[in-house]
Amino acid sequence: VREFYFGHQDSYRLIVNLDYGSPLVPAKQSLRSEPADFQRGEVEL
């Protein structure tokens, strides 16, 4: 129990990113709101 989050993960995760700063597809023409993460998404108009 004490070491659970080292090598294990609870089932309440929705994985969005396997790395930070990943390129967007299609690429944005403008700067990103969040250059490291992508949990909320990005919007460009």
All heavy atoms as atom14 arrays in JSON, in Angstrom:
{
  "sequence": "VREFYFGHQDSYRLIVNLDYGSPLVPAKQSLRSEPADFQRGEVEL",
  "atom14_mask": [
    [1, 1, 1, 1, 1, 1, 1, 0, 0, 0, 0, 0, 0, 0],
    [1, 1, 1, 1, 1, 1, 1, 1, 1, 1, 1, 0, 0, 0],
    [1, 1, 1, 1, 1, 1, 1, 1, 1, 0, 0, 0, 0, 0],
    [1, 1, 1, 1, 1, 1, 1, 1, 1, 1, 1, 0, 0, 0],
    [1, 1, 1, 1, 1, 1, 1, 1, 1, 1, 1, 1, 0, 0],
    [1, 1, 1, 1, 1, 1, 1, 1, 1, 1, 1, 0, 0, 0],
    [1, 1, 1, 1, 0, 0, 0, 0, 0, 0, 0, 0, 0, 0],
    [1, 1, 1, 1, 1, 1, 1, 1, 1, 1, 0, 0, 0, 0],
    [1, 1, 1, 1, 1, 1, 1, 1, 1, 0, 0, 0, 0, 0],
    [1, 1, 1, 1, 1, 1, 1, 1, 0, 0, 0, 0, 0, 0],
    [1, 1, 1, 1, 1, 1, 0, 0, 0, 0, 0, 0, 0, 0],
    [1, 1, 1, 1, 1, 1, 1, 1, 1, 1, 1, 1, 0, 0],
    [1, 1, 1, 1, 1, 1, 1, 1, 1, 1, 1, 0, 0, 0],
    [1, 1, 1, 1, 1, 1, 1, 1, 0, 0, 0, 0, 0, 0],
    [1, 1, 1, 1, 1, 1, 1, 1, 0, 0, 0, 0, 0, 0],
    [1, 1, 1, 1, 1, 1, 1, 0, 0, 0, 0, 0, 0, 0],
    [1, 1, 1, 1, 1, 1, 1, 1, 0, 0, 0, 0, 0, 0],
    [1, 1, 1, 1, 1, 1, 1, 1, 0, 0, 0, 0, 0, 0],
    [1, 1, 1, 1, 1, 1, 1, 1, 0, 0, 0, 0, 0, 0],
    [1, 1, 1, 1, 1, 1, 1, 1, 1, 1, 1, 1, 0, 0],
    [1, 1, 1, 1, 0, 0, 0, 0, 0, 0, 0, 0, 0, 0],
    [1, 1, 1, 1, 1, 1, 0, 0, 0, 0, 0, 0, 0, 0],
    [1, 1, 1, 1, 1, 1, 1, 0, 0, 0, 0, 0, 0, 0],
    [1, 1, 1, 1, 1, 1, 1, 1, 0, 0, 0, 0, 0, 0],
    [1, 1, 1, 1, 1, 1, 1, 0, 0, 0, 0, 0, 0, 0],
    [1, 1, 1, 1, 1, 1, 1, 0, 0, 0, 0, 0, 0, 0],
    [1, 1, 1, 1, 1, 0, 0, 0, 0, 0, 0, 0, 0, 0],
    [1, 1, 1, 1, 1, 1, 1, 1, 1, 0, 0, 0, 0, 0],
    [1, 1, 1, 1, 1, 1, 1, 1, 1, 0, 0, 0, 0, 0],
    [1, 1, 1, 1, 1, 1, 0, 0, 0, 0, 0, 0, 0, 0],
    [1, 1, 1, 1, 1, 1, 1, 1, 0, 0, 0, 0, 0, 0],
    [1, 1, 1, 1, 1, 1, 1, 1, 1, 1, 1, 0, 0, 0],
    [1, 1, 1, 1, 1, 1, 0, 0, 0, 0, 0, 0, 0, 0],
    [1, 1, 1, 1, 1, 1, 1, 1, 1, 0, 0, 0, 0, 0],
    [1, 1, 1, 1, 1, 1, 1, 0, 0, 0, 0, 0, 0, 0],
    [1, 1, 1, 1, 1, 0, 0, 0, 0, 0, 0, 0, 0, 0],
    [1, 1, 1, 1, 1, 1, 1, 1, 0, 0, 0, 0, 0, 0],
    [1, 1, 1, 1, 1, 1, 1, 1, 1, 1, 1, 0, 0, 0],
    [1, 1, 1, 1, 1, 1, 1, 1, 1, 0, 0, 0, 0, 0],
    [1, 1, 1, 1, 1, 1, 1, 1, 1, 1, 1, 0, 0, 0],
    [1, 1, 1, 1, 0, 0, 0, 0, 0, 0, 0, 0, 0, 0],
    [1, 1, 1, 1, 1, 1, 1, 1, 1, 0, 0, 0, 0, 0],
    [1, 1, 1, 1, 1, 1, 1, 0, 0, 0, 0, 0, 0, 0],
    [1, 1, 1, 1, 1, 1, 1, 1, 1, 0, 0, 0, 0, 0],
    [1, 1, 1, 1, 1, 1, 1, 1, 0, 0, 0, 0, 0, 0]
  ],
  "atom14_positions": [
    [[0.84, -1.19, 0.0], [0.0, 0.0, 0.0], [0.88, 1.25, 0.0], [0.67, 2.18, -0.79], [-0.96, 0.01, 1.22], [-1.71, 1.33, 1.31], [-1.91, -1.17, 1.15], [0.0, 0.0, 0.0], [0.0, 0.0, 0.0], [0.0, 0.0, 0.0], [0.0, 0.0, 0.0], [0.0, 0.0, 0.0], [0.0, 0.0, 0.0], [0.0, 0.0, 0.0]],
    [[1.87, 1.29, 0.86], [2.76, 2.45, 0.99], [3.46, 2.77, -0.34], [3.59, 3.93, -0.72], [3.79, 2.18, 2.09], [4.65, 3.36, 2.45], [5.56, 3.08, 3.64], [6.41, 1.93, 3.46], [6.29, 0.76, 4.1], [5.33, 0.59, 4.99], [7.12, -0.23, 3.89], [0.0, 0.0, 0.0], [0.0, 0.0, 0.0], [0.0, 0.0, 0.0]],
    [[3.87, 1.75, -1.07], [4.63, 1.92, -2.31], [3.77, 1.81, -3.57], [4.31, 1.71, -4.66], [5.73, 0.85, -2.37], [6.71, 0.89, -1.22], [7.7, 2.02, -1.34], [8.11, 2.35, -2.46], [8.06, 2.58, -0.3], [0.0, 0.0, 0.0], [0.0, 0.0, 0.0], [0.0, 0.0, 0.0], [0.0, 0.0, 0.0], [0.0, 0.0, 0.0]],
    [[2.45, 1.84, -3.43], [1.58, 1.56, -4.57], [1.88, 2.44, -5.78], [1.95, 1.96, -6.91], [0.1, 1.69, -4.2], [-0.81, 1.41, -5.36], [-1.08, 0.11, -5.75], [-1.36, 2.45, -6.09], [-1.9, -0.16, -6.84], [-2.18, 2.2, -7.19], [-2.45, 0.89, -7.56], [0.0, 0.0, 0.0], [0.0, 0.0, 0.0], [0.0, 0.0, 0.0]],
    [[2.05, 3.74, -5.59], [2.21, 4.65, -6.73], [3.62, 4.65, -7.31], [3.93, 5.44, -8.19], [1.75, 6.06, -6.36], [0.25, 6.1, -6.22], [-0.35, 6.13, -4.97], [-0.56, 6.06, -7.34], [-1.73, 6.14, -4.84], [-1.94, 6.06, -7.23], [-2.52, 6.09, -5.97], [-3.88, 6.09, -5.85], [0.0, 0.0, 0.0], [0.0, 0.0, 0.0]],
    [[4.46, 3.76, -6.83], [5.77, 3.52, -7.43], [5.68, 2.18, -8.15], [5.72, 1.12, -7.54], [6.88, 3.48, -6.38], [8.22, 3.16, -6.97], [8.93, 4.13, -7.66], [8.75, 1.89, -6.88], [10.16, 3.84, -8.24], [9.98, 1.59, -7.45], [10.68, 2.56, -8.13], [0.0, 0.0, 0.0], [0.0, 0.0, 0.0], [0.0, 0.0, 0.0]],
    [[5.49, 2.21, -9.46], [5.39, 0.99, -10.26], [3.97, 0.53, -10.51], [3.76, -0.44, -11.23], [0.0, 0.0, 0.0], [0.0, 0.0, 0.0], [0.0, 0.0, 0.0], [0.0, 0.0, 0.0], [0.0, 0.0, 0.0], [0.0, 0.0, 0.0], [0.0, 0.0, 0.0], [0.0, 0.0, 0.0], [0.0, 0.0, 0.0], [0.0, 0.0, 0.0]],
    [[3.0, 1.2, -9.92], [1.59, 0.86, -10.12], [0.81, 2.14, -10.36], [1.28, 3.23, -10.06], [1.01, 0.16, -8.89], [1.73, -1.09, -8.54], [2.78, -1.11, -7.65], [1.58, -2.37, -8.97], [3.25, -2.35, -7.54], [2.53, -3.12, -8.33], [0.0, 0.0, 0.0], [0.0, 0.0, 0.0], [0.0, 0.0, 0.0], [0.0, 0.0, 0.0]],
    [[-0.41, 1.96, -10.84], [-1.24, 3.12, -11.12], [-2.69, 2.74, -10.88], [-3.11, 1.64, -11.24], [-1.03, 3.52, -12.57], [-1.73, 4.77, -13.01], [-1.2, 5.21, -14.34], [-0.15, 5.84, -14.4], [-1.88, 4.88, -15.41], [0.0, 0.0, 0.0], [0.0, 0.0, 0.0], [0.0, 0.0, 0.0], [0.0, 0.0, 0.0], [0.0, 0.0, 0.0]],
    [[-3.44, 3.64, -10.29], [-4.86, 3.36, -10.09], [-5.57, 3.35, -11.45], [-5.03, 3.8, -12.46], [-5.47, 4.39, -9.14], [-5.33, 5.81, -9.64], [-5.97, 6.15, -10.66], [-4.58, 6.58, -9.03], [0.0, 0.0, 0.0], [0.0, 0.0, 0.0], [0.0, 0.0, 0.0], [0.0, 0.0, 0.0], [0.0, 0.0, 0.0], [0.0, 0.0, 0.0]],
    [[-6.77, 2.84, -11.46], [-7.51, 2.71, -12.72], [-8.24, 3.99, -13.11], [-8.88, 4.04, -14.15], [-8.51, 1.56, -12.62], [-9.41, 1.78, -11.56], [0.0, 0.0, 0.0], [0.0, 0.0, 0.0], [0.0, 0.0, 0.0], [0.0, 0.0, 0.0], [0.0, 0.0, 0.0], [0.0, 0.0, 0.0], [0.0, 0.0, 0.0], [0.0, 0.0, 0.0]],
    [[-8.14, 5.02, -12.31], [-8.85, 6.27, -12.59], [-7.96, 7.27, -13.34], [-7.79, 8.41, -12.92], [-9.37, 6.9, -11.29], [-10.38, 6.04, -10.59], [-10.08, 5.42, -9.38], [-11.63, 5.82, -11.15], [-11.02, 4.62, -8.74], [-12.57, 5.03, -10.52], [-12.26, 4.44, -9.32], [-13.18, 3.65, -8.69], [0.0, 0.0, 0.0], [0.0, 0.0, 0.0]],
    [[-7.39, 6.84, -14.44], [-6.53, 7.71, -15.25], [-7.01, 7.7, -16.69], [-7.29, 6.65, -17.25], [-5.07, 7.24, -15.23], [-4.45, 7.04, -13.87], [-4.09, 8.36, -13.22], [-3.7, 8.16, -11.85], [-2.52, 8.5, -11.36], [-1.61, 9.06, -12.12], [-2.26, 8.32, -10.08], [0.0, 0.0, 0.0], [0.0, 0.0, 0.0], [0.0, 0.0, 0.0]],
    [[-7.08, 8.87, -17.27], [-7.29, 9.01, -18.7], [-5.99, 9.6, -19.23], [-5.67, 10.77, -18.96], [-8.47, 9.94, -19.0], [-8.63, 10.35, -20.47], [-8.95, 9.14, -21.33], [-9.69, 11.42, -20.6], [0.0, 0.0, 0.0], [0.0, 0.0, 0.0], [0.0, 0.0, 0.0], [0.0, 0.0, 0.0], [0.0, 0.0, 0.0], [0.0, 0.0, 0.0]],
    [[-5.22, 8.8, -19.92], [-3.91, 9.23, -20.42], [-4.1, 10.04, -21.7], [-4.71, 9.57, -22.65], [-2.99, 8.02, -20.66], [-2.79, 7.24, -19.36], [-1.66, 8.46, -21.25], [-2.16, 5.88, -19.54], [0.0, 0.0, 0.0], [0.0, 0.0, 0.0], [0.0, 0.0, 0.0], [0.0, 0.0, 0.0], [0.0, 0.0, 0.0], [0.0, 0.0, 0.0]],
    [[-3.55, 11.24, -21.71], [-3.62, 12.12, -22.87], [-2.24, 12.27, -23.52], [-2.13, 12.32, -24.74], [-4.18, 13.51, -22.48], [-4.18, 14.46, -23.66], [-5.58, 13.37, -21.9], [0.0, 0.0, 0.0], [0.0, 0.0, 0.0], [0.0, 0.0, 0.0], [0.0, 0.0, 0.0], [0.0, 0.0, 0.0], [0.0, 0.0, 0.0], [0.0, 0.0, 0.0]],
    [[-1.19, 12.32, -22.73], [0.17, 12.59, -23.23], [1.16, 11.53, -22.77], [1.15, 11.14, -21.61], [0.67, 13.94, -22.69], [-0.2, 15.08, -23.11], [-0.28, 15.4, -24.27], [-0.86, 15.71, -22.15], [0.0, 0.0, 0.0], [0.0, 0.0, 0.0], [0.0, 0.0, 0.0], [0.0, 0.0, 0.0], [0.0, 0.0, 0.0], [0.0, 0.0, 0.0]],
    [[2.03, 11.14, -23.67], [3.14, 10.27, -23.33], [4.45, 11.04, -23.29], [5.51, 10.46, -23.15], [3.25, 9.11, -24.32], [2.12, 8.1, -24.25], [2.3, 7.03, -25.32], [2.05, 7.45, -22.87], [0.0, 0.0, 0.0], [0.0, 0.0, 0.0], [0.0, 0.0, 0.0], [0.0, 0.0, 0.0], [0.0, 0.0, 0.0], [0.0, 0.0, 0.0]],
    [[4.37, 12.34, -23.44], [5.56, 13.19, -23.39], [5.07, 14.62, -23.27], [3.89, 14.9, -23.46], [6.42, 13.01, -24.63], [7.85, 13.47, -24.44], [8.18, 14.0, -23.35], [8.66, 13.3, -25.36], [0.0, 0.0, 0.0], [0.0, 0.0, 0.0], [0.0, 0.0, 0.0], [0.0, 0.0, 0.0], [0.0, 0.0, 0.0], [0.0, 0.0, 0.0]],
    [[5.94, 15.54, -22.97], [5.55, 16.95, -22.93], [6.07, 17.65, -24.17], [7.05, 17.21, -24.78], [6.02, 17.65, -21.65], [7.47, 17.45, -21.3], [8.46, 18.22, -21.86], [7.84, 16.46, -20.4], [9.79, 18.03, -21.55], [9.16, 16.26, -20.07], [10.13, 17.05, -20.64], [11.44, 16.84, -20.32], [0.0, 0.0, 0.0], [0.0, 0.0, 0.0]],
    [[5.38, 18.7, -24.56], [5.78, 19.47, -25.73], [5.62, 18.73, -27.04], [6.27, 19.07, -28.03], [0.0, 0.0, 0.0], [0.0, 0.0, 0.0], [0.0, 0.0, 0.0], [0.0, 0.0, 0.0], [0.0, 0.0, 0.0], [0.0, 0.0, 0.0], [0.0, 0.0, 0.0], [0.0, 0.0, 0.0], [0.0, 0.0, 0.0], [0.0, 0.0, 0.0]],
    [[4.76, 17.73, -27.09], [4.56, 16.96, -28.32], [3.96, 17.85, -29.4], [3.15, 18.74, -29.11], [3.63, 15.78, -28.07], [4.23, 14.88, -27.17], [0.0, 0.0, 0.0], [0.0, 0.0, 0.0], [0.0, 0.0, 0.0], [0.0, 0.0, 0.0], [0.0, 0.0, 0.0], [0.0, 0.0, 0.0], [0.0, 0.0, 0.0], [0.0, 0.0, 0.0]],
    [[4.32, 17.59, -30.65], [3.77, 18.4, -31.73], [2.27, 18.16, -31.9], [1.78, 17.06, -31.65], [4.55, 17.93, -32.96], [5.09, 16.6, -32.61], [5.25, 16.57, -31.13], [0.0, 0.0, 0.0], [0.0, 0.0, 0.0], [0.0, 0.0, 0.0], [0.0, 0.0, 0.0], [0.0, 0.0, 0.0], [0.0, 0.0, 0.0], [0.0, 0.0, 0.0]],
    [[1.57, 19.19, -32.3], [0.14, 19.08, -32.57], [-0.07, 18.72, -34.04], [0.67, 19.19, -34.91], [-0.57, 20.39, -32.26], [-0.45, 20.89, -30.82], [-1.11, 22.25, -30.68], [-1.06, 19.89, -29.85], [0.0, 0.0, 0.0], [0.0, 0.0, 0.0], [0.0, 0.0, 0.0], [0.0, 0.0, 0.0], [0.0, 0.0, 0.0], [0.0, 0.0, 0.0]],
    [[-1.07, 17.9, -34.31], [-1.38, 17.51, -35.67], [-2.85, 17.78, -35.9], [-3.69, 17.18, -35.21], [-1.06, 16.01, -35.92], [-1.45, 15.62, -37.33], [0.39, 15.71, -35.64], [0.0, 0.0, 0.0], [0.0, 0.0, 0.0], [0.0, 0.0, 0.0], [0.0, 0.0, 0.0], [0.0, 0.0, 0.0], [0.0, 0.0, 0.0], [0.0, 0.0, 0.0]],
    [[-3.21, 18.69, -36.78], [-2.31, 19.52, -37.58], [-1.6, 20.56, -36.71], [-2.1, 20.94, -35.66], [-3.24, 20.18, -38.59], [-4.57, 20.21, -37.93], [-4.62, 19.0, -37.05], [0.0, 0.0, 0.0], [0.0, 0.0, 0.0], [0.0, 0.0, 0.0], [0.0, 0.0, 0.0], [0.0, 0.0, 0.0], [0.0, 0.0, 0.0], [0.0, 0.0, 0.0]],
    [[-0.46, 21.02, -37.18], [0.32, 22.0, -36.43], [-0.43, 23.33, -36.33], [-1.15, 23.71, -37.25], [1.66, 22.24, -37.12], [0.0, 0.0, 0.0], [0.0, 0.0, 0.0], [0.0, 0.0, 0.0], [0.0, 0.0, 0.0], [0.0, 0.0, 0.0], [0.0, 0.0, 0.0], [0.0, 0.0, 0.0], [0.0, 0.0, 0.0], [0.0, 0.0, 0.0]],
    [[-0.28, 23.99, -35.19], [-0.87, 25.33, -35.02], [-0.02, 26.34, -35.78], [1.19, 26.19, -35.88], [-0.93, 25.71, -33.54], [-2.06, 25.05, -32.79], [-2.1, 25.5, -31.36], [-2.65, 26.89, -31.24], [-2.88, 27.31, -29.85], [0.0, 0.0, 0.0], [0.0, 0.0, 0.0], [0.0, 0.0, 0.0], [0.0, 0.0, 0.0], [0.0, 0.0, 0.0]],
    [[-0.67, 27.37, -36.27], [0.04, 28.46, -36.94], [0.52, 29.49, -35.92], [1.45, 30.24, -36.18], [-0.87, 29.13, -37.98], [-1.38, 28.17, -39.03], [-0.25, 27.47, -39.77], [0.64, 28.11, -40.31], [-0.27, 26.15, -39.77], [0.0, 0.0, 0.0], [0.0, 0.0, 0.0], [0.0, 0.0, 0.0], [0.0, 0.0, 0.0], [0.0, 0.0, 0.0]],
    [[-0.14, 29.53, -34.76], [0.2, 30.5, -33.72], [0.87, 29.79, -32.55], [0.97, 28.56, -32.53], [-1.08, 31.19, -33.24], [-2.0, 30.22, -32.74], [0.0, 0.0, 0.0], [0.0, 0.0, 0.0], [0.0, 0.0, 0.0], [0.0, 0.0, 0.0], [0.0, 0.0, 0.0], [0.0, 0.0, 0.0], [0.0, 0.0, 0.0], [0.0, 0.0, 0.0]],
    [[1.32, 30.56, -31.58], [1.91, 29.98, -30.38], [0.88, 29.17, -29.61], [-0.32, 29.5, -29.62], [2.48, 31.08, -29.48], [3.66, 31.86, -30.02], [4.03, 32.98, -29.06], [4.85, 30.94, -30.24], [0.0, 0.0, 0.0], [0.0, 0.0, 0.0], [0.0, 0.0, 0.0], [0.0, 0.0, 0.0], [0.0, 0.0, 0.0], [0.0, 0.0, 0.0]],
    [[1.32, 28.14, -28.93], [0.43, 27.34, -28.11], [0.14, 28.07, -26.8], [0.97, 28.79, -26.28], [1.09, 25.99, -27.8], [1.23, 25.1, -29.01], [2.07, 23.89, -28.72], [1.43, 22.99, -27.75], [1.73, 21.71, -27.64], [2.62, 21.16, -28.43], [1.13, 20.97, -26.73], [0.0, 0.0, 0.0], [0.0, 0.0, 0.0], [0.0, 0.0, 0.0]],
    [[-1.04, 27.82, -26.26], [-1.37, 28.34, -24.92], [-0.55, 27.61, -23.88], [-0.11, 28.2, -22.9], [-2.85, 28.16, -24.62], [-3.64, 28.92, -25.48], [0.0, 0.0, 0.0], [0.0, 0.0, 0.0], [0.0, 0.0, 0.0], [0.0, 0.0, 0.0], [0.0, 0.0, 0.0], [0.0, 0.0, 0.0], [0.0, 0.0, 0.0], [0.0, 0.0, 0.0]],
    [[-0.38, 26.33, -24.06], [0.35, 25.49, -23.1], [1.4, 24.68, -23.86], [1.09, 23.66, -24.46], [-0.62, 24.56, -22.37], [0.03, 23.64, -21.39], [0.93, 24.37, -20.41], [0.41, 25.04, -19.51], [2.16, 24.27, -20.56], [0.0, 0.0, 0.0], [0.0, 0.0, 0.0], [0.0, 0.0, 0.0], [0.0, 0.0, 0.0], [0.0, 0.0, 0.0]],
    [[2.65, 25.14, -23.89], [3.67, 24.45, -24.66], [4.1, 23.1, -24.1], [4.64, 22.27, -24.81], [4.84, 25.44, -24.67], [4.62, 26.3, -23.47], [3.15, 26.35, -23.25], [0.0, 0.0, 0.0], [0.0, 0.0, 0.0], [0.0, 0.0, 0.0], [0.0, 0.0, 0.0], [0.0, 0.0, 0.0], [0.0, 0.0, 0.0], [0.0, 0.0, 0.0]],
    [[3.86, 22.85, -22.81], [4.31, 21.6, -22.21], [3.25, 20.52, -22.26], [3.55, 19.36, -22.5], [4.72, 21.83, -20.74], [0.0, 0.0, 0.0], [0.0, 0.0, 0.0], [0.0, 0.0, 0.0], [0.0, 0.0, 0.0], [0.0, 0.0, 0.0], [0.0, 0.0, 0.0], [0.0, 0.0, 0.0], [0.0, 0.0, 0.0], [0.0, 0.0, 0.0]],
    [[2.02, 20.87, -22.05], [0.97, 19.88, -21.85], [-0.16, 20.08, -22.85], [-0.21, 21.06, -23.57], [0.43, 20.01, -20.42], [0.06, 18.68, -19.82], [-0.1, 17.7, -20.58], [-0.06, 18.6, -18.59], [0.0, 0.0, 0.0], [0.0, 0.0, 0.0], [0.0, 0.0, 0.0], [0.0, 0.0, 0.0], [0.0, 0.0, 0.0], [0.0, 0.0, 0.0]],
    [[-1.1, 19.15, -22.85], [-2.18, 19.21, -23.83], [-3.48, 18.64, -23.24], [-4.28, 18.08, -23.94], [-1.78, 18.42, -25.08], [-2.76, 18.53, -26.2], [-2.94, 19.72, -26.87], [-3.51, 17.44, -26.59], [-3.86, 19.83, -27.91], [-4.42, 17.53, -27.64], [-4.59, 18.74, -28.29], [0.0, 0.0, 0.0], [0.0, 0.0, 0.0], [0.0, 0.0, 0.0]],
    [[-3.69, 18.77, -21.95], [-4.86, 18.14, -21.33], [-6.17, 18.83, -21.7], [-7.17, 18.17, -21.87], [-4.7, 18.15, -19.8], [-3.58, 17.24, -19.36], [-2.91, 17.76, -18.12], [-2.46, 18.89, -18.07], [-2.85, 16.92, -17.11], [0.0, 0.0, 0.0], [0.0, 0.0, 0.0], [0.0, 0.0, 0.0], [0.0, 0.0, 0.0], [0.0, 0.0, 0.0]],
    [[-6.17, 20.13, -21.78], [-7.39, 20.88, -22.1], [-7.59, 21.05, -23.58], [-8.66, 21.41, -24.03], [-7.33, 22.28, -21.49], [-7.45, 22.29, -20.0], [-7.36, 23.7, -19.5], [-5.95, 24.04, -19.35], [-5.51, 25.05, -18.64], [-6.35, 25.85, -18.03], [-4.23, 25.28, -18.52], [0.0, 0.0, 0.0], [0.0, 0.0, 0.0], [0.0, 0.0, 0.0]],
    [[-6.55, 20.83, -24.35], [-6.61, 21.08, -25.79], [-6.11, 22.47, -26.13], [-5.71, 23.25, -25.26], [0.0, 0.0, 0.0], [0.0, 0.0, 0.0], [0.0, 0.0, 0.0], [0.0, 0.0, 0.0], [0.0, 0.0, 0.0], [0.0, 0.0, 0.0], [0.0, 0.0, 0.0], [0.0, 0.0, 0.0], [0.0, 0.0, 0.0], [0.0, 0.0, 0.0]],
    [[-6.11, 22.76, -27.39], [-5.68, 24.05, -27.91], [-6.71, 24.5, -28.95], [-7.25, 23.66, -29.68], [-4.31, 23.93, -28.59], [-3.17, 23.59, -27.66], [-2.59, 24.79, -26.96], [-2.69, 25.92, -27.48], [-2.01, 24.61, -25.88], [0.0, 0.0, 0.0], [0.0, 0.0, 0.0], [0.0, 0.0, 0.0], [0.0, 0.0, 0.0], [0.0, 0.0, 0.0]],
    [[-6.96, 25.78, -29.02], [-7.9, 26.31, -30.0], [-7.23, 27.45, -30.75], [-6.59, 28.32, -30.16], [-9.21, 26.81, -29.32], [-10.14, 27.41, -30.36], [-9.89, 25.67, -28.58], [0.0, 0.0, 0.0], [0.0, 0.0, 0.0], [0.0, 0.0, 0.0], [0.0, 0.0, 0.0], [0.0, 0.0, 0.0], [0.0, 0.0, 0.0], [0.0, 0.0, 0.0]],
    [[-7.41, 27.42, -32.06], [-6.86, 28.46, -32.92], [-7.96, 28.87, -33.9], [-8.69, 28.03, -34.41], [-5.65, 27.9, -33.67], [-4.96, 28.86, -34.57], [-3.72, 28.24, -35.18], [-3.86, 27.23, -35.88], [-2.64, 28.76, -34.94], [0.0, 0.0, 0.0], [0.0, 0.0, 0.0], [0.0, 0.0, 0.0], [0.0, 0.0, 0.0], [0.0, 0.0, 0.0]],
    [[-8.08, 30.16, -34.14], [-9.08, 30.66, -35.06], [-8.42, 31.65, -36.0], [-7.81, 32.63, -35.54], [-10.22, 31.33, -34.29], [-11.37, 31.9, -35.12], [-12.1, 30.78, -35.86], [-12.33, 32.65, -34.23], [0.0, 0.0, 0.0], [0.0, 0.0, 0.0], [0.0, 0.0, 0.0], [0.0, 0.0, 0.0], [0.0, 0.0, 0.0], [0.0, 0.0, 0.0]]
  ]
}
